[in-house]
Amino acid sequence: MESITKIIAVLEKRVNDLQRDNDSLKQTLLHVSTTVEALGEKVSMLEKGLATKADITHVQQINKQSEIVKKINDSKSMGMDSKVWLSLDGKVTLESIVEQTTDGYKSSATNIKGVNKKEDSQNG
């Protein structure tokens, strides 16, 4: 009978050890779950920040383009009337009025980026 008592005691000890391990695993799982949730919130915050950064970059580009347009509009006239504007999609548009006389016409346009310059003359 003593051996059965020892076996029962050993089994009770093992059950208690397993219960402690189970409790420990539950705590670890809860900690991992909390960490994953916090990481998810940080990722969401970073995504929002990245979207805001993209918007800021776009606004900065439009601002730079509008500064270029202002410089063009404020620059000294080259003998032709023109108007430059910037649309919300970032396109720069130049509209010019060419003076025409009985002797001919001359028009001059400079690429907005300042890369190309084109002059056309015709005498008639």
PDB file of N, CA and C in Angstrom:
ATOM      1  N   MET A   1       0.814  -1.181   0.000  1.00  0.00           N
ATOM      2  CA  MET A   1       0.000   0.000   0.000  1.00  0.00           C
ATOM      3  C   MET A   1       0.861   1.249   0.000  1.00  0.00           C
ATOM      4  N   GLU A   2       1.988   1.092   0.593  1.00  0.00           N
ATOM      5  CA  GLU A   2       2.915   2.223   0.638  1.00  0.00           C
ATOM      6  C   GLU A   2       3.385   2.608  -0.752  1.00  0.00           C
ATOM      7  N   SER A   3       3.555   1.648  -1.639  1.00  0.00           N
ATOM      8  CA  SER A   3       3.999   1.952  -2.993  1.00  0.00           C
ATOM      9  C   SER A   3       2.918   2.699  -3.777  1.00  0.00           C
ATOM     10  N   ILE A   4       1.660   2.370  -3.519  1.00  0.00           N
ATOM     11  CA  ILE A   4       0.568   3.101  -4.172  1.00  0.00           C
ATOM     12  C   ILE A   4       0.546   4.533  -3.664  1.00  0.00           C
ATOM     13  N   THR A   5       0.786   4.749  -2.419  1.00  0.00           N
ATOM     14  CA  THR A   5       0.823   6.102  -1.856  1.00  0.00           C
ATOM     15  C   THR A   5       1.956   6.892  -2.484  1.00  0.00           C
ATOM     16  N   LYS A   6       3.112   6.246  -2.665  1.00  0.00           N
ATOM     17  CA  LYS A   6       4.241   6.936  -3.312  1.00  0.00           C
ATOM     18  C   LYS A   6       3.905   7.283  -4.767  1.00  0.00           C
ATOM     19  N   ILE A   7       3.269   6.352  -5.460  1.00  0.00           N
ATOM     20  CA  ILE A   7       2.913   6.600  -6.869  1.00  0.00           C
ATOM     21  C   ILE A   7       1.938   7.768  -6.959  1.00  0.00           C
ATOM     22  N   ILE A   8       0.962   7.795  -6.058  1.00  0.00           N
ATOM     23  CA  ILE A   8      -0.012   8.889  -6.035  1.00  0.00           C
ATOM     24  C   ILE A   8       0.698  10.210  -5.728  1.00  0.00           C
ATOM     25  N   ALA A   9       1.629  10.213  -4.807  1.00  0.00           N
ATOM     26  CA  ALA A   9       2.373  11.430  -4.459  1.00  0.00           C
ATOM     27  C   ALA A   9       3.185  11.922  -5.652  1.00  0.00           C
ATOM     28  N   VAL A  10       3.829  10.998  -6.357  1.00  0.00           N
ATOM     29  CA  VAL A  10       4.615  11.361  -7.542  1.00  0.00           C
ATOM     30  C   VAL A  10       3.692  11.935  -8.622  1.00  0.00           C
ATOM     31  N   LEU A  11       2.561  11.287  -8.834  1.00  0.00           N
ATOM     32  CA  LEU A  11       1.601  11.774  -9.821  1.00  0.00           C
ATOM     33  C   LEU A  11       1.071  13.158  -9.439  1.00  0.00           C
ATOM     34  N   GLU A  12       0.766  13.370  -8.166  1.00  0.00           N
ATOM     35  CA  GLU A  12       0.290  14.691  -7.714  1.00  0.00           C
ATOM     36  C   GLU A  12       1.350  15.755  -7.960  1.00  0.00           C
ATOM     37  N   LYS A  13       2.625  15.403  -7.690  1.00  0.00           N
ATOM     38  CA  LYS A  13       3.710  16.355  -7.927  1.00  0.00           C
ATOM     39  C   LYS A  13       3.812  16.684  -9.409  1.00  0.00           C
ATOM     40  N   ARG A  14       3.719  15.692 -10.264  1.00  0.00           N
ATOM     41  CA  ARG A  14       3.796  15.927 -11.707  1.00  0.00           C
ATOM     42  C   ARG A  14       2.616  16.782 -12.197  1.00  0.00           C
ATOM     43  N   VAL A  15       1.434  16.505 -11.681  1.00  0.00           N
ATOM     44  CA  VAL A  15       0.259  17.316 -12.046  1.00  0.00           C
ATOM     45  C   VAL A  15       0.473  18.760 -11.612  1.00  0.00           C
ATOM     46  N   ASN A  16       0.996  18.964 -10.415  1.00  0.00           N
ATOM     47  CA  ASN A  16       1.266  20.323  -9.933  1.00  0.00           C
ATOM     48  C   ASN A  16       2.315  21.017 -10.811  1.00  0.00           C
ATOM     49  N   ASP A  17       3.368  20.278 -11.187  1.00  0.00           N
ATOM     50  CA  ASP A  17       4.398  20.846 -12.077  1.00  0.00           C
ATOM     51  C   ASP A  17       3.793  21.234 -13.428  1.00  0.00           C
ATOM     52  N   LEU A  18       2.946  20.338 -13.966  1.00  0.00           N
ATOM     53  CA  LEU A  18       2.295  20.637 -15.243  1.00  0.00           C
ATOM     54  C   LEU A  18       1.367  21.845 -15.121  1.00  0.00           C
ATOM     55  N   GLN A  19       0.701  21.976 -14.011  1.00  0.00           N
ATOM     56  CA  GLN A  19      -0.192  23.125 -13.790  1.00  0.00           C
ATOM     57  C   GLN A  19       0.612  24.422 -13.761  1.00  0.00           C
ATOM     58  N   ARG A  20       1.776  24.399 -13.068  1.00  0.00           N
ATOM     59  CA  ARG A  20       2.644  25.586 -13.027  1.00  0.00           C
ATOM     60  C   ARG A  20       3.158  25.927 -14.424  1.00  0.00           C
ATOM     61  N   ASP A  21       3.564  24.888 -15.184  1.00  0.00           N
ATOM     62  CA  ASP A  21       4.021  25.114 -16.563  1.00  0.00           C
ATOM     63  C   ASP A  21       2.896  25.704 -17.417  1.00  0.00           C
ATOM     64  N   ASN A  22       1.701  25.175 -17.231  1.00  0.00           N
ATOM     65  CA  ASN A  22       0.541  25.674 -17.965  1.00  0.00           C
ATOM     66  C   ASN A  22       0.287  27.151 -17.637  1.00  0.00           C
ATOM     67  N   ASP A  23       0.338  27.495 -16.353  1.00  0.00           N
ATOM     68  CA  ASP A  23       0.141  28.885 -15.934  1.00  0.00           C
ATOM     69  C   ASP A  23       1.236  29.789 -16.517  1.00  0.00           C
ATOM     70  N   SER A  24       2.445  29.285 -16.513  1.00  0.00           N
ATOM     71  CA  SER A  24       3.564  30.050 -17.073  1.00  0.00           C
ATOM     72  C   SER A  24       3.378  30.272 -18.577  1.00  0.00           C
ATOM     73  N   LEU A  25       2.934  29.243 -19.293  1.00  0.00           N
ATOM     74  CA  LEU A  25       2.690  29.366 -20.726  1.00  0.00           C
ATOM     75  C   LEU A  25       1.556  30.349 -21.011  1.00  0.00           C
ATOM     76  N   LYS A  26       0.530  30.340 -20.186  1.00  0.00           N
ATOM     77  CA  LYS A  26      -0.567  31.302 -20.340  1.00  0.00           C
ATOM     78  C   LYS A  26      -0.055  32.738 -20.180  1.00  0.00           C
ATOM     79  N   GLN A  27       0.794  32.964 -19.184  1.00  0.00           N
ATOM     80  CA  GLN A  27       1.371  34.299 -18.957  1.00  0.00           C
ATOM     81  C   GLN A  27       2.229  34.726 -20.151  1.00  0.00           C
ATOM     82  N   THR A  28       3.042  33.788 -20.654  1.00  0.00           N
ATOM     83  CA  THR A  28       3.893  34.093 -21.808  1.00  0.00           C
ATOM     84  C   THR A  28       3.039  34.412 -23.028  1.00  0.00           C
ATOM     85  N   LEU A  29       2.004  33.633 -23.254  1.00  0.00           N
ATOM     86  CA  LEU A  29       1.111  33.865 -24.377  1.00  0.00           C
ATOM     87  C   LEU A  29       0.405  35.221 -24.247  1.00  0.00           C
ATOM     88  N   LEU A  30      -0.018  35.575 -23.060  1.00  0.00           N
ATOM     89  CA  LEU A  30      -0.646  36.881 -22.823  1.00  0.00           C
ATOM     90  C   LEU A  30       0.347  37.998 -23.121  1.00  0.00           C
ATOM     91  N   HIS A  31       1.588  37.838 -22.690  1.00  0.00           N
ATOM     92  CA  HIS A  31       2.626  38.839 -22.946  1.00  0.00           C
ATOM     93  C   HIS A  31       2.879  38.979 -24.455  1.00  0.00           C
ATOM     94  N   VAL A  32       2.982  37.869 -25.166  1.00  0.00           N
ATOM     95  CA  VAL A  32       3.204  37.901 -26.617  1.00  0.00           C
ATOM     96  C   VAL A  32       2.026  38.571 -27.314  1.00  0.00           C
ATOM     97  N   SER A  33       0.827  38.254 -26.882  1.00  0.00           N
ATOM     98  CA  SER A  33      -0.374  38.847 -27.470  1.00  0.00           C
ATOM     99  C   SER A  33      -0.389  40.367 -27.277  1.00  0.00           C
ATOM    100  N   THR A  34      -0.035  40.814 -26.089  1.00  0.00           N
ATOM    101  CA  THR A  34       0.029  42.244 -25.797  1.00  0.00           C
ATOM    102  C   THR A  34       1.101  42.923 -26.648  1.00  0.00           C
ATOM    103  N   THR A  35       2.239  42.277 -26.800  1.00  0.00           N
ATOM    104  CA  THR A  35       3.330  42.832 -27.608  1.00  0.00           C
ATOM    105  C   THR A  35       2.923  42.938 -29.074  1.00  0.00           C
ATOM    106  N   VAL A  36       2.271  41.902 -29.591  1.00  0.00           N
ATOM    107  CA  VAL A  36       1.817  41.917 -30.988  1.00  0.00           C
ATOM    108  C   VAL A  36       0.798  43.043 -31.197  1.00  0.00           C
ATOM    109  N   GLU A  37      -0.087  43.224 -30.264  1.00  0.00           N
ATOM    110  CA  GLU A  37      -1.086  44.299 -30.354  1.00  0.00           C
ATOM    111  C   GLU A  37      -0.400  45.668 -30.367  1.00  0.00           C
ATOM    112  N   ALA A  38       0.575  45.855 -29.503  1.00  0.00           N
ATOM    113  CA  ALA A  38       1.318  47.122 -29.464  1.00  0.00           C
ATOM    114  C   ALA A  38       2.069  47.348 -30.770  1.00  0.00           C
ATOM    115  N   LEU A  39       2.679  46.298 -31.315  1.00  0.00           N
ATOM    116  CA  LEU A  39       3.377  46.417 -32.597  1.00  0.00           C
ATOM    117  C   LEU A  39       2.407  46.782 -33.717  1.00  0.00           C
ATOM    118  N   GLY A  40       1.228  46.200 -33.685  1.00  0.00           N
ATOM    119  CA  GLY A  40       0.199  46.523 -34.687  1.00  0.00           C
ATOM    120  C   GLY A  40      -0.172  47.999 -34.634  1.00  0.00           C
ATOM    121  N   GLU A  41      -0.309  48.534 -33.426  1.00  0.00           N
ATOM    122  CA  GLU A  41      -0.624  49.960 -33.267  1.00  0.00           C
ATOM    123  C   GLU A  41       0.515  50.831 -33.790  1.00  0.00           C
ATOM    124  N   LYS A  42       1.763  50.422 -33.526  1.00  0.00           N
ATOM    125  CA  LYS A  42       2.916  51.194 -34.012  1.00  0.00           C
ATOM    126  C   LYS A  42       2.989  51.165 -35.533  1.00  0.00           C
ATOM    127  N   VAL A  43       2.726  50.009 -36.134  1.00  0.00           N
ATOM    128  CA  VAL A  43       2.727  49.908 -37.598  1.00  0.00           C
ATOM    129  C   VAL A  43       1.659  50.826 -38.182  1.00  0.00           C
ATOM    130  N   SER A  44       0.483  50.827 -37.581  1.00  0.00           N
ATOM    131  CA  SER A  44      -0.596  51.705 -38.045  1.00  0.00           C
ATOM    132  C   SER A  44      -0.183  53.168 -37.949  1.00  0.00           C
ATOM    133  N   MET A  45       0.440  53.535 -36.834  1.00  0.00           N
ATOM    134  CA  MET A  45       0.905  54.905 -36.646  1.00  0.00           C
ATOM    135  C   MET A  45       1.964  55.265 -37.695  1.00  0.00           C
ATOM    136  N   LEU A  46       2.883  54.342 -37.972  1.00  0.00           N
ATOM    137  CA  LEU A  46       3.914  54.585 -38.983  1.00  0.00           C
ATOM    138  C   LEU A  46       3.314  54.715 -40.383  1.00  0.00           C
ATOM    139  N   GLU A  47       2.305  53.906 -40.679  1.00  0.00           N
ATOM    140  CA  GLU A  47       1.642  54.010 -41.977  1.00  0.00           C
ATOM    141  C   GLU A  47       0.997  55.377 -42.143  1.00  0.00           C
ATOM    142  N   LYS A  48       0.333  55.861 -41.088  1.00  0.00           N
ATOM    143  CA  LYS A  48      -0.289  57.192 -41.141  1.00  0.00           C
ATOM    144  C   LYS A  48       0.780  58.266 -41.305  1.00  0.00           C
ATOM    145  N   GLY A  49       1.883  58.102 -40.593  1.00  0.00           N
ATOM    146  CA  GLY A  49       2.981  59.066 -40.711  1.00  0.00           C
ATOM    147  C   GLY A  49       3.570  59.073 -42.101  1.00  0.00           C
ATOM    148  N   LEU A  50       3.698  57.906 -42.690  1.00  0.00           N
ATOM    149  CA  LEU A  50       4.235  57.811 -44.050  1.00  0.00           C
ATOM    150  C   LEU A  50       3.280  58.459 -45.049  1.00  0.00           C
ATOM    151  N   ALA A  51       1.987  58.239 -44.878  1.00  0.00           N
ATOM    152  CA  ALA A  51       1.003  58.878 -45.759  1.00  0.00           C
ATOM    153  C   ALA A  51       1.072  60.389 -45.623  1.00  0.00           C
ATOM    154  N   THR A  52       1.223  60.877 -44.396  1.00  0.00           N
ATOM    155  CA  THR A  52       1.344  62.320 -44.164  1.00  0.00           C
ATOM    156  C   THR A  52       2.617  62.845 -44.794  1.00  0.00           C
ATOM    157  N   LYS A  53       3.709  62.093 -44.690  1.00  0.00           N
ATOM    158  CA  LYS A  53       4.982  62.505 -45.284  1.00  0.00           C
ATOM    159  C   LYS A  53       4.836  62.619 -46.793  1.00  0.00           C
ATOM    160  N   ALA A  54       4.136  61.674 -47.407  1.00  0.00           N
ATOM    161  CA  ALA A  54       3.925  61.729 -48.855  1.00  0.00           C
ATOM    162  C   ALA A  54       3.135  62.976 -49.216  1.00  0.00           C
ATOM    163  N   ASP A  55       2.112  63.310 -48.426  1.00  0.00           N
ATOM    164  CA  ASP A  55       1.331  64.516 -48.673  1.00  0.00           C
ATOM    165  C   ASP A  55       2.201  65.759 -48.520  1.00  0.00           C
ATOM    166  N   ILE A  56       3.049  65.784 -47.506  1.00  0.00           N
ATOM    167  CA  ILE A  56       3.934  66.928 -47.280  1.00  0.00           C
ATOM    168  C   ILE A  56       4.898  67.084 -48.451  1.00  0.00           C
ATOM    169  N   THR A  57       5.444  65.977 -48.934  1.00  0.00           N
ATOM    170  CA  THR A  57       6.363  66.016 -50.073  1.00  0.00           C
ATOM    171  C   THR A  57       5.657  66.574 -51.309  1.00  0.00           C
ATOM    172  N   HIS A  58       4.426  66.147 -51.541  1.00  0.00           N
ATOM    173  CA  HIS A  58       3.659  66.646 -52.687  1.00  0.00           C
ATOM    174  C   HIS A  58       3.419  68.152 -52.558  1.00  0.00           C
ATOM    175  N   VAL A  59       3.049  68.587 -51.373  1.00  0.00           N
ATOM    176  CA  VAL A  59       2.820  70.021 -51.136  1.00  0.00           C
ATOM    177  C   VAL A  59       4.118  70.802 -51.343  1.00  0.00           C
ATOM    178  N   GLN A  60       5.241  70.259 -50.894  1.00  0.00           N
ATOM    179  CA  GLN A  60       6.526  70.933 -51.086  1.00  0.00           C
ATOM    180  C   GLN A  60       6.859  71.048 -52.576  1.00  0.00           C
ATOM    181  N   GLN A  61       6.561  70.020 -53.345  1.00  0.00           N
ATOM    182  CA  GLN A  61       6.813  70.075 -54.785  1.00  0.00           C
ATOM    183  C   GLN A  61       5.955  71.150 -55.444  1.00  0.00           C
ATOM    184  N   ILE A  62       4.688  71.201 -55.087  1.00  0.00           N
ATOM    185  CA  ILE A  62       3.796  72.222 -55.647  1.00  0.00           C
ATOM    186  C   ILE A  62       4.262  73.610 -55.233  1.00  0.00           C
ATOM    187  N   ASN A  63       4.702  73.748 -53.985  1.00  0.00           N
ATOM    188  CA  ASN A  63       5.198  75.031 -53.508  1.00  0.00           C
ATOM    189  C   ASN A  63       6.420  75.470 -54.314  1.00  0.00           C
ATOM    190  N   LYS A  64       7.330  74.543 -54.570  1.00  0.00           N
ATOM    191  CA  LYS A  64       8.526  74.859 -55.360  1.00  0.00           C
ATOM    192  C   LYS A  64       8.134  75.275 -56.770  1.00  0.00           C
ATOM    193  N   GLN A  65       7.191  74.548 -57.367  1.00  0.00           N
ATOM    194  CA  GLN A  65       6.736  74.894 -58.708  1.00  0.00           C
ATOM    195  C   GLN A  65       6.073  76.274 -58.717  1.00  0.00           C
ATOM    196  N   SER A  66       5.312  76.584 -57.680  1.00  0.00           N
ATOM    197  CA  SER A  66       4.657  77.894 -57.647  1.00  0.00           C
ATOM    198  C   SER A  66       5.683  79.013 -57.471  1.00  0.00           C
ATOM    199  N   GLU A  67       6.785  78.725 -56.772  1.00  0.00           N
ATOM    200  CA  GLU A  67       7.855  79.723 -56.659  1.00  0.00           C
ATOM    201  C   GLU A  67       8.482  79.977 -58.030  1.00  0.00           C
ATOM    202  N   ILE A  68       8.647  78.920 -58.820  1.00  0.00           N
ATOM    203  CA  ILE A  68       9.189  79.067 -60.174  1.00  0.00           C
ATOM    204  C   ILE A  68       8.227  79.900 -61.025  1.00  0.00           C
ATOM    205  N   VAL A  69       6.927  79.597 -60.923  1.00  0.00           N
ATOM    206  CA  VAL A  69       5.929  80.348 -61.675  1.00  0.00           C
ATOM    207  C   VAL A  69       5.963  81.817 -61.271  1.00  0.00           C
ATOM    208  N   LYS A  70       6.079  82.092 -59.966  1.00  0.00           N
ATOM    209  CA  LYS A  70       6.143  83.484 -59.490  1.00  0.00           C
ATOM    210  C   LYS A  70       7.370  84.183 -60.067  1.00  0.00           C
ATOM    211  N   LYS A  71       8.509  83.497 -60.094  1.00  0.00           N
ATOM    212  CA  LYS A  71       9.721  84.098 -60.664  1.00  0.00           C
ATOM    213  C   LYS A  71       9.526  84.406 -62.143  1.00  0.00           C
ATOM    214  N   ILE A  72       8.874  83.487 -62.856  1.00  0.00           N
ATOM    215  CA  ILE A  72       8.617  83.712 -64.280  1.00  0.00           C
ATOM    216  C   ILE A  72       7.698  84.919 -64.455  1.00  0.00           C
ATOM    217  N   ASN A  73       6.633  84.963 -63.674  1.00  0.00           N
ATOM    218  CA  ASN A  73       5.674  86.060 -63.797  1.00  0.00           C
ATOM    219  C   ASN A  73       6.274  87.391 -63.366  1.00  0.00           C
ATOM    220  N   ASP A  74       7.195  87.371 -62.407  1.00  0.00           N
ATOM    221  CA  ASP A  74       7.808  88.603 -61.913  1.00  0.00           C
ATOM    222  C   ASP A  74       9.005  89.050 -62.752  1.00  0.00           C
ATOM    223  N   SER A  75       9.466  88.186 -63.652  1.00  0.00           N
ATOM    224  CA  SER A  75      10.656  88.528 -64.434  1.00  0.00           C
ATOM    225  C   SER A  75      10.326  89.598 -65.477  1.00  0.00           C
ATOM    226  N   LYS A  76      11.385  90.237 -65.967  1.00  0.00           N
ATOM    227  CA  LYS A  76      11.241  91.299 -66.957  1.00  0.00           C
ATOM    228  C   LYS A  76      10.653  90.733 -68.244  1.00  0.00           C
ATOM    229  N   SER A  77       9.733  91.500 -68.833  1.00  0.00           N
ATOM    230  CA  SER A  77       9.064  91.075 -70.053  1.00  0.00           C
ATOM    231  C   SER A  77      10.054  91.001 -71.202  1.00  0.00           C
ATOM    232  N   MET A  78       9.890  90.040 -72.056  1.00  0.00           N
ATOM    233  CA  MET A  78      10.765  89.860 -73.218  1.00  0.00           C
ATOM    234  C   MET A  78      10.074  90.358 -74.483  1.00  0.00           C
ATOM    235  N   GLY A  79       9.074  91.219 -74.361  1.00  0.00           N
ATOM    236  CA  GLY A  79       8.393  91.767 -75.514  1.00  0.00           C
ATOM    237  C   GLY A  79       7.186  90.966 -75.954  1.00  0.00           C
ATOM    238  N   MET A  80       6.761  90.043 -75.145  1.00  0.00           N
ATOM    239  CA  MET A  80       5.522  89.349 -75.462  1.00  0.00           C
ATOM    240  C   MET A  80       4.743  89.163 -74.178  1.00  0.00           C
ATOM    241  N   ASP A  81       3.453  89.232 -74.299  1.00  0.00           N
ATOM    242  CA  ASP A  81       2.603  89.059 -73.133  1.00  0.00           C
ATOM    243  C   ASP A  81       2.409  87.564 -72.890  1.00  0.00           C
ATOM    244  N   SER A  82       2.550  87.176 -71.648  1.00  0.00           N
ATOM    245  CA  SER A  82       2.350  85.766 -71.315  1.00  0.00           C
ATOM    246  C   SER A  82       1.809  85.644 -69.905  1.00  0.00           C
ATOM    247  N   LYS A  83       1.212  84.523 -69.668  1.00  0.00           N
ATOM    248  CA  LYS A  83       0.664  84.234 -68.352  1.00  0.00           C
ATOM    249  C   LYS A  83       1.040  82.801 -68.003  1.00  0.00           C
ATOM    250  N   VAL A  84       1.530  82.585 -66.799  1.00  0.00           N
ATOM    251  CA  VAL A  84       1.930  81.254 -66.356  1.00  0.00           C
ATOM    252  C   VAL A  84       1.101  80.901 -65.132  1.00  0.00           C
ATOM    253  N   TRP A  85       0.618  79.676 -65.075  1.00  0.00           N
ATOM    254  CA  TRP A  85      -0.094  79.235 -63.881  1.00  0.00           C
ATOM    255  C   TRP A  85       0.184  77.774 -63.600  1.00  0.00           C
ATOM    256  N   LEU A  86      -0.107  77.399 -62.377  1.00  0.00           N
ATOM    257  CA  LEU A  86       0.146  76.051 -61.889  1.00  0.00           C
ATOM    258  C   LEU A  86      -1.183  75.434 -61.493  1.00  0.00           C
ATOM    259  N   SER A  87      -1.521  74.280 -62.078  1.00  0.00           N
ATOM    260  CA  SER A  87      -2.765  73.611 -61.724  1.00  0.00           C
ATOM    261  C   SER A  87      -2.529  72.706 -60.516  1.00  0.00           C
ATOM    262  N   LEU A  88      -3.609  72.263 -59.909  1.00  0.00           N
ATOM    263  CA  LEU A  88      -3.497  71.441 -58.700  1.00  0.00           C
ATOM    264  C   LEU A  88      -2.829  70.097 -58.958  1.00  0.00           C
ATOM    265  N   ASP A  89      -2.846  69.627 -60.199  1.00  0.00           N
ATOM    266  CA  ASP A  89      -2.187  68.355 -60.489  1.00  0.00           C
ATOM    267  C   ASP A  89      -0.700  68.536 -60.764  1.00  0.00           C
ATOM    268  N   GLY A  90      -0.181  69.772 -60.611  1.00  0.00           N
ATOM    269  CA  GLY A  90       1.254  70.015 -60.723  1.00  0.00           C
ATOM    270  C   GLY A  90       1.715  70.432 -62.108  1.00  0.00           C
ATOM    271  N   LYS A  91       0.789  70.592 -63.066  1.00  0.00           N
ATOM    272  CA  LYS A  91       1.176  70.991 -64.413  1.00  0.00           C
ATOM    273  C   LYS A  91       1.369  72.506 -64.475  1.00  0.00           C
ATOM    274  N   VAL A  92       2.452  72.910 -65.123  1.00  0.00           N
ATOM    275  CA  VAL A  92       2.728  74.322 -65.326  1.00  0.00           C
ATOM    276  C   VAL A  92       2.321  74.659 -66.752  1.00  0.00           C
ATOM    277  N   THR A  93       1.539  75.735 -66.900  1.00  0.00           N
ATOM    278  CA  THR A  93       1.049  76.118 -68.222  1.00  0.00           C
ATOM    279  C   THR A  93       1.504  77.529 -68.541  1.00  0.00           C
ATOM    280  N   LEU A  94       1.950  77.742 -69.779  1.00  0.00           N
ATOM    281  CA  LEU A  94       2.370  79.056 -70.264  1.00  0.00           C
ATOM    282  C   LEU A  94       1.456  79.425 -71.415  1.00  0.00           C
ATOM    283  N   GLU A  95       0.828  80.575 -71.309  1.00  0.00           N
ATOM    284  CA  GLU A  95      -0.026  81.068 -72.382  1.00  0.00           C
ATOM    285  C   GLU A  95       0.581  82.374 -72.850  1.00  0.00           C
ATOM    286  N   SER A  96       0.823  82.488 -74.155  1.00  0.00           N
ATOM    287  CA  SER A  96       1.442  83.714 -74.654  1.00  0.00           C
ATOM    288  C   SER A  96       0.619  84.328 -75.770  1.00  0.00           C
ATOM    289  N   ILE A  97       0.772  85.648 -75.902  1.00  0.00           N
ATOM    290  CA  ILE A  97       0.125  86.394 -76.969  1.00  0.00           C
ATOM    291  C   ILE A  97       1.238  86.889 -77.875  1.00  0.00           C
ATOM    292  N   VAL A  98       1.180  86.539 -79.136  1.00  0.00           N
ATOM    293  CA  VAL A  98       2.227  86.900 -80.087  1.00  0.00           C
ATOM    294  C   VAL A  98       1.794  88.166 -80.824  1.00  0.00           C
ATOM    295  N   GLU A  99       2.701  89.139 -80.860  1.00  0.00           N
ATOM    296  CA  GLU A  99       2.426  90.368 -81.596  1.00  0.00           C
ATOM    297  C   GLU A  99       2.691  90.122 -83.070  1.00  0.00           C
ATOM    298  N   GLN A 100       1.787  90.579 -83.929  1.00  0.00           N
ATOM    299  CA  GLN A 100       1.966  90.399 -85.357  1.00  0.00           C
ATOM    300  C   GLN A 100       1.887  91.758 -86.035  1.00  0.00           C
ATOM    301  N   THR A 101       2.818  92.010 -86.921  1.00  0.00           N
ATOM    302  CA  THR A 101       2.811  93.247 -87.700  1.00  0.00           C
ATOM    303  C   THR A 101       2.748  92.884 -89.175  1.00  0.00           C
ATOM    304  N   THR A 102       2.665  93.902 -90.033  1.00  0.00           N
ATOM    305  CA  THR A 102       2.612  93.631 -91.464  1.00  0.00           C
ATOM    306  C   THR A 102       3.940  93.090 -91.981  1.00  0.00           C
ATOM    307  N   ASP A 103       5.040  93.375 -91.257  1.00  0.00           N
ATOM    308  CA  ASP A 103       6.347  92.904 -91.697  1.00  0.00           C
ATOM    309  C   ASP A 103       6.614  91.439 -91.317  1.00  0.00           C
ATOM    310  N   GLY A 104       5.930  90.913 -90.339  1.00  0.00           N
ATOM    311  CA  GLY A 104       6.167  89.537 -89.908  1.00  0.00           C
ATOM    312  C   GLY A 104       5.821  89.380 -88.439  1.00  0.00           C
ATOM    313  N   TYR A 105       6.258  88.301 -87.880  1.00  0.00           N
ATOM    314  CA  TYR A 105       6.018  88.084 -86.456  1.00  0.00           C
ATOM    315  C   TYR A 105       7.229  87.428 -85.833  1.00  0.00           C
ATOM    316  N   LYS A 106       7.328  87.573 -84.539  1.00  0.00           N
ATOM    317  CA  LYS A 106       8.394  86.910 -83.797  1.00  0.00           C
ATOM    318  C   LYS A 106       7.789  86.415 -82.492  1.00  0.00           C
ATOM    319  N   SER A 107       8.019  85.155 -82.190  1.00  0.00           N
ATOM    320  CA  SER A 107       7.572  84.628 -80.905  1.00  0.00           C
ATOM    321  C   SER A 107       8.746  83.931 -80.243  1.00  0.00           C
ATOM    322  N   SER A 108       8.770  83.994 -78.952  1.00  0.00           N
ATOM    323  CA  SER A 108       9.851  83.372 -78.202  1.00  0.00           C
ATOM    324  C   SER A 108       9.248  82.664 -76.997  1.00  0.00           C
ATOM    325  N   ALA A 109       9.658  81.430 -76.795  1.00  0.00           N
ATOM    326  CA  ALA A 109       9.161  80.691 -75.629  1.00  0.00           C
ATOM    327  C   ALA A 109      10.311  79.916 -75.024  1.00  0.00           C
ATOM    328  N   THR A 110      10.380  79.892 -73.713  1.00  0.00           N
ATOM    329  CA  THR A 110      11.404  79.139 -73.009  1.00  0.00           C
ATOM    330  C   THR A 110      10.732  78.004 -72.255  1.00  0.00           C
ATOM    331  N   ASN A 111      11.276  76.827 -72.388  1.00  0.00           N
ATOM    332  CA  ASN A 111      10.762  75.674 -71.657  1.00  0.00           C
ATOM    333  C   ASN A 111      10.701  76.028 -70.173  1.00  0.00           C
ATOM    334  N   ILE A 112       9.660  75.598 -69.503  1.00  0.00           N
ATOM    335  CA  ILE A 112       9.453  75.932 -68.090  1.00  0.00           C
ATOM    336  C   ILE A 112      10.622  75.483 -67.225  1.00  0.00           C
ATOM    337  N   LYS A 113      11.206  74.356 -67.533  1.00  0.00           N
ATOM    338  CA  LYS A 113      12.332  73.865 -66.743  1.00  0.00           C
ATOM    339  C   LYS A 113      13.620  74.606 -67.102  1.00  0.00           C
ATOM    340  N   GLY A 114      13.562  75.468 -68.131  1.00  0.00           N
ATOM    341  CA  GLY A 114      14.730  76.246 -68.506  1.00  0.00           C
ATOM    342  C   GLY A 114      15.735  75.455 -69.331  1.00  0.00           C
ATOM    343  N   VAL A 115      15.301  74.340 -69.892  1.00  0.00           N
ATOM    344  CA  VAL A 115      16.233  73.495 -70.629  1.00  0.00           C
ATOM    345  C   VAL A 115      16.290  73.920 -72.089  1.00  0.00           C
ATOM    346  N   ASN A 116      15.144  74.174 -72.703  1.00  0.00           N
ATOM    347  CA  ASN A 116      15.091  74.483 -74.129  1.00  0.00           C
ATOM    348  C   ASN A 116      14.634  75.921 -74.350  1.00  0.00           C
ATOM    349  N   LYS A 117      15.196  76.552 -75.369  1.00  0.00           N
ATOM    350  CA  LYS A 117      14.740  77.876 -75.756  1.00  0.00           C
ATOM    351  C   LYS A 117      14.448  77.810 -77.237  1.00  0.00           C
ATOM    352  N   LYS A 118      13.303  78.345 -77.644  1.00  0.00           N
ATOM    353  CA  LYS A 118      12.891  78.240 -79.023  1.00  0.00           C
ATOM    354  C   LYS A 118      12.455  79.615 -79.499  1.00  0.00           C
ATOM    355  N   GLU A 119      12.976  80.027 -80.629  1.00  0.00           N
ATOM    356  CA  GLU A 119      12.561  81.290 -81.226  1.00  0.00           C
ATOM    357  C   GLU A 119      12.183  81.031 -82.666  1.00  0.00           C
ATOM    358  N   ASP A 120      11.068  81.571 -83.095  1.00  0.00           N
ATOM    359  CA  ASP A 120      10.617  81.449 -84.475  1.00  0.00           C
ATOM    360  C   ASP A 120      10.455  82.848 -85.039  1.00  0.00           C
ATOM    361  N   SER A 121      10.941  83.071 -86.219  1.00  0.00           N
ATOM    362  CA  SER A 121      10.768  84.356 -86.885  1.00  0.00           C
ATOM    363  C   SER A 121      10.304  84.094 -88.305  1.00  0.00           C
ATOM    364  N   GLN A 122       9.467  84.996 -88.789  1.00  0.00           N
ATOM    365  CA  GLN A 122       9.028  84.892 -90.179  1.00  0.00           C
ATOM    366  C   GLN A 122       8.852  86.308 -90.696  1.00  0.00           C
ATOM    367  N   ASN A 123       9.416  86.602 -91.807  1.00  0.00           N
ATOM    368  CA  ASN A 123       9.229  87.904 -92.437  1.00  0.00           C
ATOM    369  C   ASN A 123       8.337  87.695 -93.648  1.00  0.00           C
ATOM    370  N   GLY A 124       7.410  88.620 -93.855  1.00  0.00           N
ATOM    371  CA  GLY A 124       6.486  88.405 -94.951  1.00  0.00           C
ATOM    372  C   GLY A 124       6.281  89.651 -95.613  1.00  0.00           C
TER     373      GLY A 124
END
